[in-house]
C-alpha cells in the first residue's frame, strides 16, 4: 500500500504550503491574526486532509477527505483574491502560489474523478 507521502498531489500541496507561508510572511503585521492566519489554516488543511483520508484505509473515506481538501483549496483561492485587492498586499507576487494552487486543484479533481464508481 502506498502511503500518502507517495501521492504527487500531497507532495505538491506541501510545496503550496511552503510558498504560501513565504508569501504571507510579506503581509502587513496587522493581518497576522486575520487574513494571514486564515490563509495559512486553509492551505495547511489541503495536505492534512489528503493524508488523513489516505490513512483511513478505504476509498469512500479517502474521497470524503479529498473533497474537504478541494474545498480548502477553494477557500484559499477566495482569500487570495481578497488579498490581491487589498491596498497593502496588492503588489505582492502571487504567481508561484497561484500556479501551485491551480495544479493541486486539478490533481485533486482528477483523483476524485478516478475514485468515482464505474457504471
C-alpha atoms as a PDB file:
ATOM      1  CA  UNK A   1       0.000   0.000   0.000  1.00  0.00           C
ATOM      2  CA  UNK A   2       1.284   3.415  -0.945  1.00  0.00           C
ATOM      3  CA  UNK A   3       1.486   5.993   1.790  1.00  0.00           C
ATOM      4  CA  UNK A   4       0.114   9.496   1.436  1.00  0.00           C
ATOM      5  CA  UNK A   5       3.701  10.758   1.118  1.00  0.00           C
ATOM      6  CA  UNK A   6       3.941   8.923  -2.225  1.00  0.00           C
ATOM      7  CA  UNK A   7       0.988  10.859  -3.657  1.00  0.00           C
ATOM      8  CA  UNK A   8       2.185  13.593  -6.006  1.00  0.00           C
ATOM      9  CA  UNK A   9      -0.825  15.712  -5.060  1.00  0.00           C
ATOM     10  CA  UNK A  10       0.246  15.586  -1.395  1.00  0.00           C
ATOM     11  CA  UNK A  11       3.835  16.497  -2.349  1.00  0.00           C
ATOM     12  CA  UNK A  12       2.631  19.428  -4.481  1.00  0.00           C
ATOM     13  CA  UNK A  13       0.323  20.596  -1.719  1.00  0.00           C
ATOM     14  CA  UNK A  14       3.299  20.687   0.668  1.00  0.00           C
ATOM     15  CA  UNK A  15       5.087  22.901  -1.880  1.00  0.00           C
ATOM     16  CA  UNK A  16       1.949  25.065  -1.920  1.00  0.00           C
ATOM     17  CA  UNK A  17       2.062  25.371   1.882  1.00  0.00           C
ATOM     18  CA  UNK A  18       5.687  26.495   1.813  1.00  0.00           C
ATOM     19  CA  UNK A  19       5.096  29.020  -0.991  1.00  0.00           C
ATOM     20  CA  UNK A  20       2.023  30.371   0.798  1.00  0.00           C
ATOM     21  CA  UNK A  21       3.902  30.832   4.060  1.00  0.00           C
ATOM     22  CA  UNK A  22       6.640  32.659   2.154  1.00  0.00           C
ATOM     23  CA  UNK A  23       4.027  34.912   0.542  1.00  0.00           C
ATOM     24  CA  UNK A  24       2.121  35.641   3.746  1.00  0.00           C
ATOM     25  CA  UNK A  25       5.371  36.471   5.554  1.00  0.00           C
ATOM     26  CA  UNK A  26       5.242  39.626   3.423  1.00  0.00           C
ATOM     27  CA  UNK A  27       1.735  40.596   4.597  1.00  0.00           C
ATOM     28  CA  UNK A  28       1.496  43.578   6.959  1.00  0.00           C
ATOM     29  CA  UNK A  29       1.656  42.852  10.689  1.00  0.00           C
ATOM     30  CA  UNK A  30      -1.955  43.939  11.201  1.00  0.00           C
ATOM     31  CA  UNK A  31      -3.082  40.990   9.035  1.00  0.00           C
ATOM     32  CA  UNK A  32      -1.330  38.338  11.177  1.00  0.00           C
ATOM     33  CA  UNK A  33      -4.420  37.439  13.199  1.00  0.00           C
ATOM     34  CA  UNK A  34      -6.894  37.804  10.365  1.00  0.00           C
ATOM     35  CA  UNK A  35      -6.148  37.153   6.705  1.00  0.00           C
ATOM     36  CA  UNK A  36      -2.672  35.638   7.202  1.00  0.00           C
ATOM     37  CA  UNK A  37      -3.957  33.214   9.800  1.00  0.00           C
ATOM     38  CA  UNK A  38      -6.998  32.288   7.704  1.00  0.00           C
ATOM     39  CA  UNK A  39      -4.911  31.708   4.566  1.00  0.00           C
ATOM     40  CA  UNK A  40      -2.425  29.545   6.440  1.00  0.00           C
ATOM     41  CA  UNK A  41      -5.151  27.416   8.019  1.00  0.00           C
ATOM     42  CA  UNK A  42      -6.757  26.834   4.620  1.00  0.00           C
ATOM     43  CA  UNK A  43      -3.509  25.888   2.886  1.00  0.00           C
ATOM     44  CA  UNK A  44      -2.375  23.541   5.669  1.00  0.00           C
ATOM     45  CA  UNK A  45      -5.768  21.859   5.522  1.00  0.00           C
ATOM     46  CA  UNK A  46      -5.123  20.651   1.977  1.00  0.00           C
ATOM     47  CA  UNK A  47      -2.229  18.190   2.564  1.00  0.00           C
ATOM     48  CA  UNK A  48      -3.546  17.382   6.034  1.00  0.00           C
ATOM     49  CA  UNK A  49      -6.862  16.148   4.649  1.00  0.00           C
ATOM     50  CA  UNK A  50      -5.177  14.248   1.827  1.00  0.00           C
ATOM     51  CA  UNK A  51      -3.016  12.456   4.405  1.00  0.00           C
ATOM     52  CA  UNK A  52      -5.861  11.765   6.813  1.00  0.00           C
ATOM     53  CA  UNK A  53      -8.138  10.461   4.080  1.00  0.00           C
ATOM     54  CA  UNK A  54      -5.458   8.182   2.644  1.00  0.00           C
ATOM     55  CA  UNK A  55      -4.695   6.706   6.047  1.00  0.00           C
ATOM     56  CA  UNK A  56      -8.340   5.921   6.785  1.00  0.00           C
ATOM     57  CA  UNK A  57      -7.957   2.944   4.504  1.00  0.00           C
ATOM     58  CA  UNK A  58     -10.950   2.973   2.179  1.00  0.00           C
ATOM     59  CA  UNK A  59     -11.892   4.824  -0.982  1.00  0.00           C
ATOM     60  CA  UNK A  60     -15.126   6.199   0.490  1.00  0.00           C
ATOM     61  CA  UNK A  61     -13.300   7.896   3.363  1.00  0.00           C
ATOM     62  CA  UNK A  62     -10.417   8.929   1.116  1.00  0.00           C
ATOM     63  CA  UNK A  63     -12.841  10.556  -1.311  1.00  0.00           C
ATOM     64  CA  UNK A  64     -14.639  12.387   1.514  1.00  0.00           C
ATOM     65  CA  UNK A  65     -11.355  13.878   2.746  1.00  0.00           C
ATOM     66  CA  UNK A  66     -10.271  14.750  -0.798  1.00  0.00           C
ATOM     67  CA  UNK A  67     -13.481  16.780  -1.115  1.00  0.00           C
ATOM     68  CA  UNK A  68     -12.568  18.591   2.102  1.00  0.00           C
ATOM     69  CA  UNK A  69      -9.061  19.282   0.724  1.00  0.00           C
ATOM     70  CA  UNK A  70     -10.636  20.544  -2.510  1.00  0.00           C
ATOM     71  CA  UNK A  71     -12.967  22.826  -0.559  1.00  0.00           C
ATOM     72  CA  UNK A  72      -9.985  24.171   1.394  1.00  0.00           C
ATOM     73  CA  UNK A  73      -8.353  24.946  -1.943  1.00  0.00           C
ATOM     74  CA  UNK A  74     -11.421  26.951  -2.962  1.00  0.00           C
ATOM     75  CA  UNK A  75     -11.312  28.742   0.387  1.00  0.00           C
ATOM     76  CA  UNK A  76      -7.628  29.560  -0.169  1.00  0.00           C
ATOM     77  CA  UNK A  77      -8.347  30.791  -3.687  1.00  0.00           C
ATOM     78  CA  UNK A  78     -11.044  33.128  -2.354  1.00  0.00           C
ATOM     79  CA  UNK A  79      -8.767  34.507   0.347  1.00  0.00           C
ATOM     80  CA  UNK A  80      -6.014  35.130  -2.206  1.00  0.00           C
ATOM     81  CA  UNK A  81      -8.466  37.022  -4.414  1.00  0.00           C
ATOM     82  CA  UNK A  82      -9.283  39.227  -1.425  1.00  0.00           C
ATOM     83  CA  UNK A  83      -5.595  39.742  -0.603  1.00  0.00           C
ATOM     84  CA  UNK A  84      -4.868  40.786  -4.193  1.00  0.00           C
ATOM     85  CA  UNK A  85      -7.481  43.542  -3.859  1.00  0.00           C
ATOM     86  CA  UNK A  86      -6.244  44.977  -0.560  1.00  0.00           C
ATOM     87  CA  UNK A  87      -4.050  48.087  -0.845  1.00  0.00           C
ATOM     88  CA  UNK A  88      -1.228  46.729   1.352  1.00  0.00           C
ATOM     89  CA  UNK A  89      -0.983  43.312  -0.326  1.00  0.00           C
ATOM     90  CA  UNK A  90      -1.951  44.059  -3.914  1.00  0.00           C
ATOM     91  CA  UNK A  91       1.612  44.452  -5.210  1.00  0.00           C
ATOM     92  CA  UNK A  92       2.941  41.144  -3.902  1.00  0.00           C
ATOM     93  CA  UNK A  93       3.916  38.368  -6.314  1.00  0.00           C
ATOM     94  CA  UNK A  94       1.191  35.700  -6.191  1.00  0.00           C
ATOM     95  CA  UNK A  95       2.372  33.795  -9.283  1.00  0.00           C
ATOM     96  CA  UNK A  96       4.005  30.812  -7.553  1.00  0.00           C
ATOM     97  CA  UNK A  97       1.107  30.293  -5.138  1.00  0.00           C
ATOM     98  CA  UNK A  98      -1.485  30.727  -7.891  1.00  0.00           C
ATOM     99  CA  UNK A  99       0.305  28.249 -10.134  1.00  0.00           C
ATOM    100  CA  UNK A 100       0.727  25.633  -7.409  1.00  0.00           C
ATOM    101  CA  UNK A 101      -2.866  26.036  -6.246  1.00  0.00           C
ATOM    102  CA  UNK A 102      -4.166  25.568  -9.786  1.00  0.00           C
ATOM    103  CA  UNK A 103      -2.027  22.447 -10.191  1.00  0.00           C
ATOM    104  CA  UNK A 104      -3.134  20.973  -6.850  1.00  0.00           C
ATOM    105  CA  UNK A 105      -6.800  21.671  -7.595  1.00  0.00           C
ATOM    106  CA  UNK A 106      -6.535  19.949 -10.994  1.00  0.00           C
ATOM    107  CA  UNK A 107      -4.820  16.964  -9.391  1.00  0.00           C
ATOM    108  CA  UNK A 108      -7.473  16.703  -6.682  1.00  0.00           C
ATOM    109  CA  UNK A 109     -10.218  16.930  -9.293  1.00  0.00           C
ATOM    110  CA  UNK A 110      -8.592  14.164 -11.351  1.00  0.00           C
ATOM    111  CA  UNK A 111      -8.105  11.936  -8.313  1.00  0.00           C
ATOM    112  CA  UNK A 112     -11.713  12.464  -7.253  1.00  0.00           C
ATOM    113  CA  UNK A 113     -12.945  11.520 -10.722  1.00  0.00           C
ATOM    114  CA  UNK A 114     -10.818   8.358 -10.624  1.00  0.00           C
ATOM    115  CA  UNK A 115     -12.454   7.345  -7.343  1.00  0.00           C
ATOM    116  CA  UNK A 116     -15.931   7.587  -8.869  1.00  0.00           C
ATOM    117  CA  UNK A 117     -17.581   4.175  -9.073  1.00  0.00           C
ATOM    118  CA  UNK A 118     -17.557   2.768 -12.597  1.00  0.00           C
ATOM    119  CA  UNK A 119     -21.013   2.486 -14.199  1.00  0.00           C
END
